[in-house]
């Protein structure tokens, strides 16, 4: 997987932190977040609500259509189920 760059805030209880252990912790957090933050996980945790058609969709194609295409019909929303 491609390693992305992100800003992480890591809080520790210890005042003296081993630099090697800290770097390993940040690397493992990045690996964990890369596995969780993907389009499939987004589709599982969200739903598309179309008020005019009175439909709730969880179709992956519908998400792609809403996110990647610029024209979106009015009263179509993405709702997070969490």
Foldseek 3Di string as FASTA:
>chain_A
DDQDDDDDDDDDPDPDDDPVVVVVVVVVVSVVCVVCPDLVNVLVQKWKAAPVVRDIGSDSVVVCCVPVDDDDDPRIDIGGND
